[in-house]
C-alpha atoms as a PDB file:
ATOM      1  CA  MET A   1       3.676 -45.104 -51.320  1.00  0.00           C
ATOM      2  CA  LEU A   2       3.555 -46.127 -54.973  1.00  0.00           C
ATOM      3  CA  THR A   3       0.147 -46.108 -56.619  1.00  0.00           C
ATOM      4  CA  GLU A   4      -1.015 -46.131 -60.216  1.00  0.00           C
ATOM      5  CA  GLN A   5      -1.745 -42.432 -59.862  1.00  0.00           C
ATOM      6  CA  ASN A   6       1.788 -41.381 -58.921  1.00  0.00           C
ATOM      7  CA  MET A   7       4.051 -43.686 -60.931  1.00  0.00           C
ATOM      8  CA  HIS A   8       5.203 -40.741 -63.056  1.00  0.00           C
ATOM      9  CA  ALA A   9       6.446 -38.845 -59.997  1.00  0.00           C
ATOM     10  CA  THR A  10       8.291 -41.501 -58.002  1.00  0.00           C
ATOM     11  CA  THR A  11      11.591 -43.275 -58.543  1.00  0.00           C
ATOM     12  CA  GLY A  12      10.060 -46.702 -58.050  1.00  0.00           C
ATOM     13  CA  GLY A  13       7.173 -45.915 -60.345  1.00  0.00           C
ATOM     14  CA  LEU A  14       9.398 -44.659 -63.131  1.00  0.00           C
ATOM     15  CA  ILE A  15      11.703 -47.702 -62.855  1.00  0.00           C
ATOM     16  CA  VAL A  16       8.768 -50.123 -63.066  1.00  0.00           C
ATOM     17  CA  LEU A  17       7.011 -48.140 -65.795  1.00  0.00           C
ATOM     18  CA  ALA A  18      10.203 -47.914 -67.878  1.00  0.00           C
ATOM     19  CA  HIS A  19      10.371 -51.697 -68.033  1.00  0.00           C
ATOM     20  CA  ALA A  20       6.637 -52.316 -68.470  1.00  0.00           C
ATOM     21  CA  ASP A  21       5.202 -53.297 -71.821  1.00  0.00           C
ATOM     22  CA  GLN A  22       4.279 -50.581 -74.303  1.00  0.00           C
ATOM     23  CA  LYS A  23       0.526 -51.130 -73.883  1.00  0.00           C
ATOM     24  CA  LEU A  24       0.699 -50.471 -70.142  1.00  0.00           C
ATOM     25  CA  GLN A  25       2.824 -47.358 -70.717  1.00  0.00           C
ATOM     26  CA  ASP A  26       0.386 -46.055 -73.330  1.00  0.00           C
ATOM     27  CA  THR A  27      -2.597 -46.692 -71.043  1.00  0.00           C
ATOM     28  CA  PHE A  28      -0.897 -44.951 -68.119  1.00  0.00           C
ATOM     29  CA  LEU A  29       0.057 -41.935 -70.227  1.00  0.00           C
ATOM     30  CA  SER A  30      -3.416 -41.590 -71.751  1.00  0.00           C
ATOM     31  CA  VAL A  31      -4.876 -39.890 -68.667  1.00  0.00           C
ATOM     32  CA  PRO A  32      -4.024 -36.516 -67.082  1.00  0.00           C
ATOM     33  CA  LEU A  33      -1.222 -36.807 -64.533  1.00  0.00           C
ATOM     34  CA  ARG A  34      -1.035 -34.910 -61.260  1.00  0.00           C
ATOM     35  CA  GLU A  35       1.580 -32.215 -60.763  1.00  0.00           C
ATOM     36  CA  TYR A  36       2.892 -32.452 -57.195  1.00  0.00           C
ATOM     37  CA  THR A  37       5.475 -29.683 -57.621  1.00  0.00           C
ATOM     38  CA  PRO A  38       6.599 -27.531 -60.563  1.00  0.00           C
ATOM     39  CA  ASN A  39       9.296 -30.199 -61.187  1.00  0.00           C
ATOM     40  CA  THR A  40       6.852 -33.096 -61.591  1.00  0.00           C
ATOM     41  CA  PRO A  41       6.853 -34.418 -65.167  1.00  0.00           C
ATOM     42  CA  THR A  42       3.282 -34.601 -66.432  1.00  0.00           C
ATOM     43  CA  THR A  43       3.376 -34.688 -70.230  1.00  0.00           C
ATOM     44  CA  PRO A  44       3.622 -37.988 -72.102  1.00  0.00           C
ATOM     45  CA  SER A  45       6.622 -36.784 -74.122  1.00  0.00           C
ATOM     46  CA  GLU A  46       8.499 -35.733 -70.978  1.00  0.00           C
ATOM     47  CA  ILE A  47       7.771 -39.026 -69.241  1.00  0.00           C
ATOM     48  CA  ARG A  48       8.697 -41.106 -72.314  1.00  0.00           C
ATOM     49  CA  ARG A  49      12.047 -39.281 -72.416  1.00  0.00           C
ATOM     50  CA  ILE A  50      12.631 -40.130 -68.739  1.00  0.00           C
ATOM     51  CA  LEU A  51      11.615 -43.767 -69.282  1.00  0.00           C
ATOM     52  CA  ALA A  52      14.048 -44.065 -72.187  1.00  0.00           C
ATOM     53  CA  GLY A  53      16.797 -42.657 -69.955  1.00  0.00           C
ATOM     54  CA  VAL A  54      15.993 -45.204 -67.239  1.00  0.00           C
ATOM     55  CA  ARG A  55      16.328 -48.047 -69.736  1.00  0.00           C
ATOM     56  CA  GLU A  56      19.514 -46.618 -71.253  1.00  0.00           C
ATOM     57  CA  HIS A  57      21.350 -45.680 -68.039  1.00  0.00           C
ATOM     58  CA  GLY A  58      19.890 -48.135 -65.511  1.00  0.00           C
ATOM     59  CA  TYR A  59      18.817 -45.596 -62.896  1.00  0.00           C
ATOM     60  CA  VAL A  60      16.589 -42.577 -62.355  1.00  0.00           C
ATOM     61  CA  VAL A  61      16.969 -39.380 -60.338  1.00  0.00           C
ATOM     62  CA  CYS A  62      13.804 -37.486 -59.413  1.00  0.00           C
ATOM     63  CA  LYS A  63      14.707 -34.031 -58.118  1.00  0.00           C
ATOM     64  CA  GLY A  64      11.744 -32.416 -56.428  1.00  0.00           C
ATOM     65  CA  TYR A  65       9.080 -34.441 -58.270  1.00  0.00           C
ATOM     66  CA  VAL A  66       6.898 -35.033 -55.184  1.00  0.00           C
ATOM     67  CA  SER A  67       8.394 -32.601 -52.660  1.00  0.00           C
ATOM     68  CA  PRO A  68      10.483 -29.545 -53.488  1.00  0.00           C
ATOM     69  CA  HIS A  69      12.848 -30.544 -50.682  1.00  0.00           C
ATOM     70  CA  ALA A  70      13.437 -34.202 -51.576  1.00  0.00           C
ATOM     71  CA  MET A  71      15.131 -36.147 -54.315  1.00  0.00           C
ATOM     72  CA  GLY A  72      14.675 -39.822 -55.129  1.00  0.00           C
ATOM     73  CA  VAL A  73      17.302 -42.075 -56.680  1.00  0.00           C
ATOM     74  CA  GLY A  74      16.420 -45.569 -57.867  1.00  0.00           C
ATOM     75  CA  VAL A  75      17.590 -48.647 -59.750  1.00  0.00           C
ATOM     76  CA  PRO A  76      15.762 -51.749 -60.980  1.00  0.00           C
ATOM     77  CA  VAL A  77      15.784 -55.158 -59.303  1.00  0.00           C
ATOM     78  CA  TRP A  78      15.822 -57.987 -61.862  1.00  0.00           C
ATOM     79  CA  SER A  79      14.401 -61.499 -61.781  1.00  0.00           C
ATOM     80  CA  ALA A  80      16.360 -64.527 -62.951  1.00  0.00           C
ATOM     81  CA  GLN A  81      14.247 -64.337 -66.125  1.00  0.00           C
ATOM     82  CA  GLY A  82      15.519 -60.831 -66.902  1.00  0.00           C
ATOM     83  CA  LYS A  83      12.364 -58.964 -65.896  1.00  0.00           C
ATOM     84  CA  VAL A  84      12.214 -55.978 -63.579  1.00  0.00           C
ATOM     85  CA  VAL A  85      10.324 -57.156 -60.503  1.00  0.00           C
ATOM     86  CA  ALA A  86      10.984 -54.248 -58.140  1.00  0.00           C
ATOM     87  CA  ALA A  87      12.866 -51.015 -57.658  1.00  0.00           C
ATOM     88  CA  LEU A  88      15.397 -50.143 -54.991  1.00  0.00           C
ATOM     89  CA  THR A  89      15.128 -46.465 -54.095  1.00  0.00           C
ATOM     90  CA  VAL A  90      16.234 -43.872 -51.579  1.00  0.00           C
ATOM     91  CA  ALA A  91      14.871 -40.430 -50.827  1.00  0.00           C
ATOM     92  CA  VAL A  92      17.290 -37.772 -49.615  1.00  0.00           C
ATOM     93  CA  PRO A  93      17.210 -34.027 -48.977  1.00  0.00           C
ATOM     94  CA  ILE A  94      17.618 -32.305 -52.317  1.00  0.00           C
ATOM     95  CA  HIS A  95      20.424 -29.971 -51.247  1.00  0.00           C
ATOM     96  CA  ASP A  96      22.500 -32.387 -49.147  1.00  0.00           C
ATOM     97  CA  CYS A  97      23.524 -35.027 -51.655  1.00  0.00           C
ATOM     98  CA  ASN A  98      25.003 -35.673 -55.067  1.00  0.00           C
ATOM     99  CA  PRO A  99      22.706 -38.379 -56.472  1.00  0.00           C
ATOM    100  CA  MET A 100      25.504 -39.940 -58.492  1.00  0.00           C
ATOM    101  CA  THR A 101      27.239 -40.950 -55.262  1.00  0.00           C
ATOM    102  CA  LEU A 102      24.217 -43.145 -54.465  1.00  0.00           C
ATOM    103  CA  VAL A 103      23.790 -44.918 -57.807  1.00  0.00           C
ATOM    104  CA  PRO A 104      26.784 -47.297 -57.395  1.00  0.00           C
ATOM    105  CA  ALA A 105      25.687 -48.339 -53.885  1.00  0.00           C
ATOM    106  CA  LEU A 106      22.105 -48.886 -55.016  1.00  0.00           C
ATOM    107  CA  THR A 107      23.300 -50.865 -58.032  1.00  0.00           C
ATOM    108  CA  VAL A 108      25.436 -53.197 -55.897  1.00  0.00           C
ATOM    109  CA  ALA A 109      22.558 -53.726 -53.448  1.00  0.00           C
ATOM    110  CA  SER A 110      20.123 -54.324 -56.314  1.00  0.00           C
ATOM    111  CA  ARG A 111      22.401 -56.962 -57.830  1.00  0.00           C
ATOM    112  CA  GLY A 112      22.575 -58.727 -54.478  1.00  0.00           C
ATOM    113  CA  ILE A 113      18.788 -58.697 -54.184  1.00  0.00           C
ATOM    114  CA  SER A 114      18.475 -59.971 -57.755  1.00  0.00           C
ATOM    115  CA  ARG A 115      20.866 -62.850 -56.971  1.00  0.00           C
ATOM    116  CA  ALA A 116      18.943 -63.684 -53.813  1.00  0.00           C
ATOM    117  CA  LEU A 117      15.663 -63.748 -55.757  1.00  0.00           C
ATOM    118  CA  ALA A 118      17.209 -66.034 -58.363  1.00  0.00           C
ATOM    119  CA  ASN A 119      18.691 -68.455 -55.779  1.00  0.00           C
ATOM    120  CA  PRO A 120      16.674 -68.205 -52.551  1.00  0.00           C
ATOM    121  CA  GLN A 121      17.924 -71.531 -51.176  1.00  0.00           C
ATOM    122  CA  THR A 122      21.573 -70.400 -51.208  1.00  0.00           C
ATOM    123  CA  TYR A 123      21.036 -67.675 -48.623  1.00  0.00           C
ATOM    124  CA  ARG A 124      20.889 -68.499 -44.949  1.00  0.00           C
ATOM    125  CA  GLN A 125      17.702 -67.804 -43.070  1.00  0.00           C
ATOM    126  CA  LEU A 126      18.019 -64.769 -40.837  1.00  0.00           C
ATOM    127  CA  PRO A 127      16.141 -64.615 -37.543  1.00  0.00           C
ATOM    128  CA  ARG A 128      12.786 -62.928 -37.783  1.00  0.00           C
ATOM    129  CA  PHE A 129      12.601 -59.376 -36.547  1.00  0.00           C
ATOM    130  CA  ASN A 130       9.443 -58.662 -34.578  1.00  0.00           C
ATOM    131  CA  PRO A 131       9.308 -55.056 -33.450  1.00  0.00           C
ATOM    132  CA  ALA A 132       7.594 -54.530 -30.123  1.00  0.00           C
END
C-alpha cells in the first residue's frame, strides 16, 4: 500500500513523485526516509536521480526496495490534460523475471487506461463484479 512514508521505496510512489511539483518533492525529501532493505534508496540525491530517470525513460524498476525477494516495475497513467494521475505497477519475484520484458506490456495497458480516462463515454459499461 502506498503511503506518504514509503513513496521513495515503491514503484507507484516513485512514478507519482517524479511527476509531482518541485515543492512537494522538496518537502518529501526533507525528512529522514525509512530503509526497508539495503537496496532501498534513502538519500535525497539518490532519489532525485531515480526521479529524473523516471521522467526521462517513462518507467521505473525497483529491485529489492521493499523486499529483498521482490521487484516492482511501473509506468505512469496520464490524464487528458497531460498530468500523471496514477501509476500502473506489477511486483514480481526478483530472480524470475527480466523487468524490461514487462515495460512494453505495462506501457500499452497504461495508454489504454489513459485513453479510457480521457473518453469515459466511449467505453462500454462492463457488468459489475461482486465477489461473494
